[in-house]
Protein backbone atom coordinates (compact mmCIF):
# COMPACT_ATOMS: atom_id res chain seq x y z
CA UNK A 1 76.70 112.49 90.93
CA UNK A 2 75.13 109.45 92.02
CA UNK A 3 74.20 108.63 95.28
CA UNK A 4 72.17 105.72 95.18
CA UNK A 5 72.72 102.24 93.38
CA UNK A 6 70.64 99.82 91.34
CA UNK A 7 69.10 96.58 92.17
CA UNK A 8 71.93 94.86 89.87
CA UNK A 9 74.42 96.61 92.10
CA UNK A 10 73.22 95.59 95.27
CA UNK A 11 73.27 91.86 94.14
CA UNK A 12 76.52 92.85 93.20
CA UNK A 13 77.61 93.75 96.47
CA UNK A 14 75.74 90.52 98.08
CA UNK A 15 77.81 88.41 95.66
CA UNK A 16 81.04 90.51 96.90
CA UNK A 17 80.32 90.35 100.44
CA UNK A 18 80.07 86.94 100.34
CA UNK A 19 83.31 85.94 98.72
CA UNK A 20 85.51 87.88 100.92
CA UNK A 21 83.72 86.59 104.18
CA UNK A 22 84.23 82.66 102.51
CA UNK A 23 87.60 83.53 101.34
CA UNK A 24 89.13 85.38 104.53
CA UNK A 25 89.17 82.33 106.45
CA UNK A 26 91.80 79.30 107.26
CA UNK A 27 94.96 81.00 106.39
CA UNK A 28 93.72 84.24 106.03
CA UNK A 29 91.62 84.93 109.21
CA UNK A 30 94.94 86.65 110.44
CA UNK A 31 94.80 89.16 107.81
CA UNK A 32 91.40 90.78 108.59
CA UNK A 33 92.01 94.43 109.59
CA UNK A 34 95.81 93.99 109.15
CA UNK A 35 98.54 95.56 106.91
CA UNK A 36 97.03 99.12 106.63
CA UNK A 37 98.53 102.74 107.11
CA UNK A 38 101.00 102.16 109.97
CA UNK A 39 100.47 98.34 109.89
CA UNK A 40 102.25 97.79 106.27
CA UNK A 41 104.69 95.28 107.77
CA UNK A 42 102.12 93.20 109.01
CA UNK A 43 102.06 89.43 107.11
CA UNK A 44 103.85 90.46 104.04
CA UNK A 45 103.57 86.93 102.69
CA UNK A 46 100.16 86.23 103.56
CA UNK A 47 99.09 89.37 102.22
CA UNK A 48 101.04 88.60 98.56
CA UNK A 49 99.13 85.14 99.17
CA UNK A 50 96.17 86.83 99.62
CA UNK A 51 96.48 88.71 96.16
CA UNK A 52 97.22 85.59 94.55
CA UNK A 53 93.70 84.20 96.34
CA UNK A 54 91.66 87.74 94.63
CA UNK A 55 93.34 86.73 91.53
CA UNK A 56 92.03 83.38 91.08
CA UNK A 57 88.57 85.21 92.10
CA UNK A 58 88.93 87.81 89.23
CA UNK A 59 88.83 91.03 91.92
CA UNK A 60 91.85 92.66 90.62
CA UNK A 61 91.63 94.94 87.69
CA UNK A 62 87.77 95.17 88.11
CA UNK A 63 87.79 98.88 86.06
CA UNK A 64 90.43 97.66 83.41
CA UNK A 65 89.19 96.86 79.85
CA UNK A 66 88.74 93.49 78.88
CA UNK A 67 90.93 93.75 76.31
CA UNK A 68 93.76 93.94 78.49
CA UNK A 69 92.77 91.65 81.22
CA UNK A 70 90.25 93.78 83.28
CA UNK A 71 86.41 93.01 83.95
CA UNK A 72 85.33 96.96 82.64
CA UNK A 73 83.02 97.05 85.51
CA UNK A 74 80.85 100.29 86.13
CA UNK A 75 82.22 103.15 88.49
CA UNK A 76 79.10 101.85 90.56
CA UNK A 77 80.37 98.38 91.04
CA UNK A 78 83.72 99.33 91.45
CA UNK A 79 82.96 101.84 94.63
CA UNK A 80 80.79 98.63 95.95
CA UNK A 81 83.86 96.02 96.07
CA UNK A 82 86.11 98.58 97.62
CA UNK A 83 83.29 99.64 100.09
CA UNK A 84 82.90 95.99 100.79
CA UNK A 85 86.33 94.76 100.96
CA UNK A 86 86.83 97.71 103.75
CA UNK A 87 83.91 96.46 105.78
CA UNK A 88 84.90 92.79 105.89
CA UNK A 89 88.09 93.74 106.78
CA UNK A 90 90.33 92.89 103.91
CA UNK A 91 94.25 93.53 104.46
CA UNK A 92 95.98 96.22 103.20
CA UNK A 93 96.71 95.63 99.54
CA UNK A 94 100.42 94.48 98.61
CA UNK A 95 99.06 94.97 95.03
CA UNK A 96 97.63 98.31 95.46
CA UNK A 97 100.15 100.38 93.62
CA UNK A 98 100.31 97.74 90.73
CA UNK A 99 96.52 97.76 90.19
CA UNK A 100 95.42 101.28 91.54
CA UNK A 101 98.54 103.43 90.07
CA UNK A 102 100.63 102.19 88.10
CA UNK A 103 98.40 100.18 86.37
CA UNK A 104 95.64 102.46 85.02
CA UNK A 105 98.75 104.65 84.05
CA UNK A 106 100.15 101.93 81.85
CA UNK A 107 96.44 101.61 80.23
CA UNK A 108 96.20 105.66 79.65
CA UNK A 109 99.83 106.75 78.74
CA UNK A 110 101.81 103.31 78.30
CA UNK A 111 102.57 101.50 74.77
CA UNK A 112 100.94 97.98 73.73
CA UNK A 113 104.48 96.19 74.42
CA UNK A 114 104.35 97.53 78.25
CA UNK A 115 100.90 96.87 78.60
CA UNK A 116 101.44 93.27 77.46
CA UNK A 117 104.82 93.04 80.11
CA UNK A 118 103.13 94.64 82.88
CA UNK A 119 99.73 94.15 83.73
CA UNK A 120 99.57 90.36 83.31
CA UNK A 121 102.01 89.83 86.52
CA UNK A 122 99.24 92.61 88.16
CA UNK A 123 96.39 91.05 87.41
CA UNK A 124 97.69 87.57 88.59
CA UNK A 125 99.10 89.06 92.08
CA UNK A 126 102.79 87.72 90.96
CA UNK A 127 104.28 90.99 90.30
CA UNK A 128 104.36 93.91 93.22
CA UNK A 129 105.21 97.61 92.77
CA UNK A 130 107.17 100.33 94.85
CA UNK A 131 106.97 104.37 94.08
CA UNK A 132 109.80 106.15 93.84
CA UNK A 133 109.14 109.80 93.83
CA UNK A 134 109.79 111.39 97.28
CA UNK A 135 114.05 112.49 97.46
CA UNK A 136 115.78 113.96 100.60
CA UNK A 137 115.39 117.30 99.39
CA UNK A 138 112.23 116.26 96.99
CA UNK A 139 109.42 115.14 99.36
CA UNK A 140 106.22 117.67 99.14
CA UNK A 141 107.94 119.41 96.23
CA UNK A 142 108.28 116.81 93.76
CA UNK A 143 109.70 118.91 90.89
CA UNK A 144 113.00 119.22 92.78
CA UNK A 145 113.96 115.54 92.21
CA UNK A 146 117.87 115.03 91.49
CA UNK A 147 118.10 111.41 90.96
CA UNK A 148 119.21 111.11 87.26
CA UNK A 149 119.59 108.86 84.00
CA UNK A 150 121.06 108.45 81.02
CA UNK A 151 121.23 106.43 77.92
CA UNK A 152 124.38 103.99 77.43
CA UNK A 153 126.73 104.47 74.80
CA UNK A 154 124.74 101.83 72.95
CA UNK A 155 121.16 103.36 73.78
CA UNK A 156 119.89 100.21 74.88
CA UNK A 157 119.58 100.82 78.63
CA UNK A 158 119.05 103.87 81.37
CA UNK A 159 121.37 104.08 83.69
CA UNK A 160 120.26 105.71 86.96
CA UNK A 161 121.87 107.52 90.16
CA UNK A 162 120.46 108.84 92.74
CA UNK A 163 118.50 108.22 95.91
CA UNK A 164 114.59 107.95 96.91
CA UNK A 165 113.09 107.85 100.68
CA UNK A 166 110.08 106.79 102.42
CA UNK A 167 109.31 104.15 99.52
CA UNK A 168 106.71 101.70 100.98
CA UNK A 169 107.45 98.00 100.75
CA UNK A 170 110.68 98.65 98.34
CA UNK A 171 112.01 95.79 99.72
CA UNK A 172 108.94 93.23 98.84
CA UNK A 173 108.83 94.95 95.32
CA UNK A 174 109.92 93.27 92.18
CA UNK A 175 109.39 96.66 90.02
CA UNK A 176 109.59 100.38 90.50
CA UNK A 177 108.59 103.17 88.77
CA UNK A 178 110.87 105.86 89.48
CA UNK A 179 110.94 109.84 88.44
CA UNK A 180 114.26 110.73 87.27
CA UNK A 181 115.85 113.51 85.15
CA UNK A 182 116.92 112.74 82.05
CA UNK A 183 118.11 116.47 80.87
CA UNK A 184 121.11 117.77 81.88
CA UNK A 185 120.57 120.76 83.76
CA UNK A 186 117.03 121.00 83.25
CA UNK A 187 114.83 122.31 86.81
CA UNK A 188 111.77 121.91 87.76
CA UNK A 189 109.04 120.04 85.87
CA UNK A 190 110.88 120.25 83.06
CA UNK A 191 113.83 117.13 81.72
CA UNK A 192 111.74 114.78 84.14
CA UNK A 193 111.26 110.76 82.64
CA UNK A 194 109.11 108.14 83.93
CA UNK A 195 111.00 105.06 83.97
CA UNK A 196 110.00 101.54 85.08
CA UNK A 197 113.01 99.98 86.97
CA UNK A 198 113.28 96.13 87.83
CA UNK A 199 114.41 96.02 91.68
CA UNK A 200 116.65 92.83 91.88
CA UNK A 201 119.66 93.73 90.55
CA UNK A 202 123.22 94.59 91.80
CA UNK A 203 122.68 98.74 91.09
CA UNK A 204 120.16 99.09 93.71
CA UNK A 205 120.29 98.82 97.29
CA UNK A 206 117.33 99.07 99.83
CA UNK A 207 117.96 100.45 103.56
CA UNK A 208 115.11 100.20 105.35
CA UNK A 209 113.82 103.02 107.64
CA UNK A 210 113.09 101.30 111.20
CA UNK A 211 110.73 103.53 113.35
CA UNK A 212 110.75 103.74 116.78
CA UNK A 213 107.86 101.09 116.98
CA UNK A 214 110.70 98.82 115.94
CA UNK A 215 108.94 98.19 112.53
CA UNK A 216 110.31 99.21 108.91
CA UNK A 217 107.64 99.29 106.33
CA UNK A 218 109.38 102.59 104.50
CA UNK A 219 113.15 102.10 102.63
CA UNK A 220 115.29 104.69 101.65
CA UNK A 221 116.40 103.15 98.07
CA UNK A 222 120.38 104.08 96.34
CA UNK A 223 120.42 103.65 92.85
CA UNK A 224 123.97 103.29 91.69
CA UNK A 225 124.11 102.60 87.86
CA UNK A 226 121.17 100.83 87.77
CA UNK A 227 119.70 99.57 84.91
CA UNK A 228 116.47 99.62 83.14
CA UNK A 229 115.34 98.93 79.28
CA UNK A 230 115.54 101.59 77.13
CA UNK A 231 111.58 100.66 76.44
CA UNK A 232 110.87 100.86 79.93
CA UNK A 233 110.27 104.39 79.97
CA UNK A 234 106.27 105.58 79.89
CA UNK A 235 106.05 108.33 76.96
CA UNK A 236 108.35 110.36 75.89
CA UNK A 237 112.15 111.47 77.63
CA UNK A 238 111.00 114.40 78.75
CA UNK A 239 106.97 113.39 79.61
CA UNK A 240 107.66 112.56 83.48
CA UNK A 241 106.12 115.37 84.99
CA UNK A 242 102.87 114.77 82.88
CA UNK A 243 102.75 111.17 83.34
CA UNK A 244 103.58 111.38 87.10
CA UNK A 245 100.45 114.18 87.56
CA UNK A 246 98.11 111.85 85.59
CA UNK A 247 99.22 108.77 87.90
CA UNK A 248 98.19 110.98 90.90
CA UNK A 249 94.94 111.41 89.39
CA UNK A 250 94.38 107.78 89.23
CA UNK A 251 95.52 107.61 93.00
CA UNK A 252 92.47 109.41 93.70
CA UNK A 253 89.89 107.36 92.18
CA UNK A 254 87.72 104.76 93.20
CA UNK A 255 89.75 103.36 95.97
CA UNK A 256 89.13 106.51 97.72
CA UNK A 257 85.80 104.95 98.87
CA UNK A 258 87.26 102.15 100.06
CA UNK A 259 89.52 104.45 102.37
CA UNK A 260 86.58 106.09 103.84
CA UNK A 261 85.23 102.62 104.60
CA UNK A 262 88.27 102.21 106.90
CA UNK A 263 88.17 105.61 108.24
CA UNK A 264 84.50 104.47 109.27
CA UNK A 265 85.34 101.14 111.08
CA UNK A 266 88.05 103.59 112.73
CA UNK A 267 85.00 105.79 113.65
CA UNK A 268 82.78 103.47 114.80
CA UNK A 269 86.14 102.03 116.80
CA UNK A 270 85.82 105.34 118.73
CA UNK A 271 82.27 105.76 119.12
CA UNK A 272 81.90 102.23 120.81
CA UNK A 273 85.01 103.22 122.93
CA UNK A 274 82.85 106.40 124.08
CA UNK A 275 79.98 104.57 124.95
CA UNK A 276 81.21 101.66 126.64
CA UNK A 277 83.91 104.15 128.81
CA UNK A 278 81.31 107.17 129.46
CA UNK A 279 83.31 109.14 127.32
CA UNK A 280 80.67 110.03 125.57
CA UNK A 281 78.39 111.55 128.52
CA UNK A 282 80.82 114.66 127.72
CA UNK A 283 78.79 117.16 125.20
CA UNK A 284 81.91 118.11 123.70
CA UNK A 285 83.00 114.68 122.82
CA UNK A 286 79.54 114.00 121.43
CA UNK A 287 80.09 117.13 119.63
CA UNK A 288 83.36 116.02 117.92
CA UNK A 289 81.94 112.30 117.15
CA UNK A 290 79.11 114.27 115.38
CA UNK A 291 81.03 116.74 113.23
CA UNK A 292 83.44 113.41 112.45
CA UNK A 293 80.63 111.62 111.52
CA UNK A 294 79.25 114.54 109.25
CA UNK A 295 83.02 115.53 107.99
CA UNK A 296 83.12 111.37 106.60
CA UNK A 297 79.80 112.25 104.85
CA UNK A 298 81.23 115.24 103.09
CA UNK A 299 84.30 113.31 102.22
CA UNK A 300 82.35 110.17 100.60
CA UNK A 301 79.82 113.47 98.82
CA UNK A 302 83.34 114.65 97.03
CA UNK A 303 84.78 111.65 96.21
CA UNK A 304 81.59 110.41 94.17
CA UNK A 305 81.44 114.06 92.73
CA UNK A 306 85.37 113.37 91.51
CA UNK A 307 84.08 109.74 90.22
CA UNK A 308 81.55 111.52 88.41
CA UNK A 309 83.76 112.65 85.69
CA UNK A 310 85.95 111.45 83.02
CA UNK A 311 88.80 108.84 84.69
CA UNK A 312 91.51 109.43 83.02
CA UNK A 313 94.00 110.55 85.68
CA UNK A 314 93.09 113.92 85.43
CA UNK A 315 92.94 116.43 88.20
CA UNK A 316 89.49 118.22 88.21
CA UNK A 317 89.25 120.60 91.42
CA UNK A 318 87.41 118.28 93.52
CA UNK A 319 90.08 116.30 93.24
CA UNK A 320 92.78 118.85 93.95
CA UNK A 321 91.18 119.63 97.28
CA UNK A 322 90.92 115.70 98.64
CA UNK A 323 94.56 115.27 100.10
CA UNK A 324 94.06 118.05 102.04
CA UNK A 325 90.11 117.34 103.31
CA UNK A 326 91.13 113.47 104.32
CA UNK A 327 94.52 114.17 105.79
CA UNK A 328 92.93 116.96 108.19
CA UNK A 329 89.50 114.45 108.97
CA UNK A 330 91.94 111.79 109.88
CA UNK A 331 94.26 113.93 112.09
CA UNK A 332 91.26 114.73 114.03
CA UNK A 333 90.16 111.91 114.46
CA UNK A 334 93.04 110.61 115.94
CA UNK A 335 93.05 113.46 118.64
CA UNK A 336 89.40 112.39 119.57
CA UNK A 337 90.17 108.63 119.77
CA UNK A 338 93.34 109.63 122.34
CA UNK A 339 90.89 112.11 124.15
CA UNK A 340 87.97 109.33 124.00
CA UNK A 341 90.59 106.87 125.34
CA UNK A 342 91.49 109.34 128.41
CA UNK A 343 94.42 108.12 130.67
CA UNK A 344 94.20 104.34 128.44
CA UNK A 345 95.69 106.70 125.87
CA UNK A 346 99.26 107.24 127.99
CA UNK A 347 99.89 103.05 128.20
CA UNK A 348 100.98 100.54 126.27
CA UNK A 349 99.37 97.55 125.73
CA UNK A 350 102.50 95.07 125.65
CA UNK A 351 105.97 95.80 125.94
CA UNK A 352 108.45 96.58 124.45
CA UNK A 353 105.93 98.82 122.50
CA UNK A 354 102.80 97.14 121.44
CA UNK A 355 100.22 99.43 120.40
CA UNK A 356 96.46 99.48 120.54
CA UNK A 357 94.70 99.86 117.33
CA UNK A 358 93.81 103.75 118.53
CA UNK A 359 97.18 104.20 119.68
CA UNK A 360 98.33 103.64 116.23
CA UNK A 361 95.51 105.54 114.53
CA UNK A 362 97.05 108.33 116.53
CA UNK A 363 100.51 108.23 116.03
CA UNK A 364 100.31 107.51 112.23
CA UNK A 365 97.56 110.33 111.41
CA UNK A 366 100.76 112.62 112.77
CA UNK A 367 101.88 111.78 108.92
CA UNK A 368 99.10 112.30 107.24
CA UNK A 369 99.35 116.21 106.17
CA UNK A 370 103.28 115.47 105.54
CA UNK A 371 103.70 112.45 103.03
CA UNK A 372 101.88 112.49 99.59
CA UNK A 373 102.18 116.46 99.33
CA UNK A 374 101.74 118.32 102.85
CA UNK A 375 99.22 120.56 103.47
CA UNK A 376 100.98 123.60 102.88
CA UNK A 377 101.74 122.55 99.25
CA UNK A 378 98.30 121.33 98.88
CA UNK A 379 96.90 124.84 99.91
CA UNK A 380 99.01 126.35 97.02
CA UNK A 381 97.89 123.71 94.82
CA UNK A 382 94.46 124.44 95.17
CA UNK A 383 95.22 128.15 95.10
CA UNK A 384 97.40 128.28 92.07
CA UNK A 385 95.73 125.16 89.94
CA UNK A 386 92.33 125.14 90.86
CA UNK A 387 91.66 128.61 91.55
CA UNK A 388 94.41 130.36 89.13
CA UNK A 389 95.46 132.65 91.57
CA UNK A 390 99.25 133.93 91.40
CA UNK A 391 101.74 131.73 92.38
CA UNK A 392 103.41 132.18 95.62
CA UNK A 393 106.61 134.01 95.49
CA UNK A 394 109.95 131.83 94.88
CA UNK A 395 113.26 132.63 97.25
CA UNK A 396 115.59 132.77 94.92
CA UNK A 397 119.15 130.88 96.36
C-alpha cells in the first residue's frame, strides 16, 4: 500500500490544480461544489459542457489503455486527479457512470466492436449513461430483478420489458446498461444478461420521481418492447451477474479517493462552523469531530489498500467493506452537522424549501445506508463472501 507520492506525482498534482483553477472560471464558475449527491439536478447542461471541456484537456479516461484512447496514467496519478478535482470544487460528473463504471467494464469484458462503438463517446464527453439495476421489488437484492428480455424472431434485437427505479439522471442519458432476465423461469443470479440499451426510443418512458425538495434527479424507467441490438450484450446470455459484479468492483476504484475529498470538504465546513458558533466549546462535539477526522483517515487508508491490488473489477475483502464503512461514517457526519448547527438546523434559508449545504448533507445521508445495497445486505455480503460464513437462512414463500 503506497501512502506517499513521488516528485513526478507532485508535479502532476500541480498541473491538475492549475488546469482546474484556470478552467473553473467564467461560464463554469457557477459549477464549483455543485452537482454532487443530493444536488444532481443542478445545472445539467452546463455540466455536460464541462465534460466536453475536460475532454479537450485530456482529463477523461486517465487510467484507460492508450490503445483505447486513454492516457494510461498510474494509479497514483489517477488518485491525485480525483483528489485535486474534489479540492477545487469540481462539479458532480455527468459522465461518471460512463467513465467510471461502464467504460472500465467494456475495456475488461466488452468485445472490440463494443469498445470502438461506445468508448469514444465517453472520452469526448458527448454520450452519457445511466444504470438500470434497481427495481421496485429488487433494490438491495439485485438478484431478484424481474425485467425480462428476449430476442425477436429474426434474432437481430433484444425486446425488453419491465421497470427500473431510482435511476439517476435517466432523463439526461443517451444509454442505459440494463440487467435483465433472458432465461425464462430462471431465479436468483442465474439467467441474467447485461444489455446496452439506447434511451431515445418509443419503447422507453422516463418518469421523474419528484422529491420533497421539488427536485427530481431520480427516475422510474419503463420498458415496453424496448429494443437493443442483439450484439449490445456484454458477455454471453446468462453472464449478467458476473458482469454486474465486475462493474461494482470498478465502482470502488480510484474515484473513492475523490469521494473522500468531498467528505473532507464537508467535514471542514462542519469544523469551521463549530469554531464560529461556539459549538466547539462542547467537549462531546469536539470528541465527535475528532472521531470523524480519524474515521475519514481510516477510509482513505482502506481505499489505498483496495487500490494496491489488481484493478480488474474483482471484489476483494477490503472492497467489500467499503460501502458499509463510508455510508455509516457519512450518516454520522450528517447528524454531527445538525448538532453543530443547533437551533439553526430547524430553519430553512429560503422559501419554499431552500436548504443550506449542511441541511442537504443531513437529509441525503439518510439514504446512504440504503441505496446501492442497504447496510443489512452489505453485512450479509461481508459475512458470506468475504468471511465464508454460512448463508443467512432464506424464508420460503
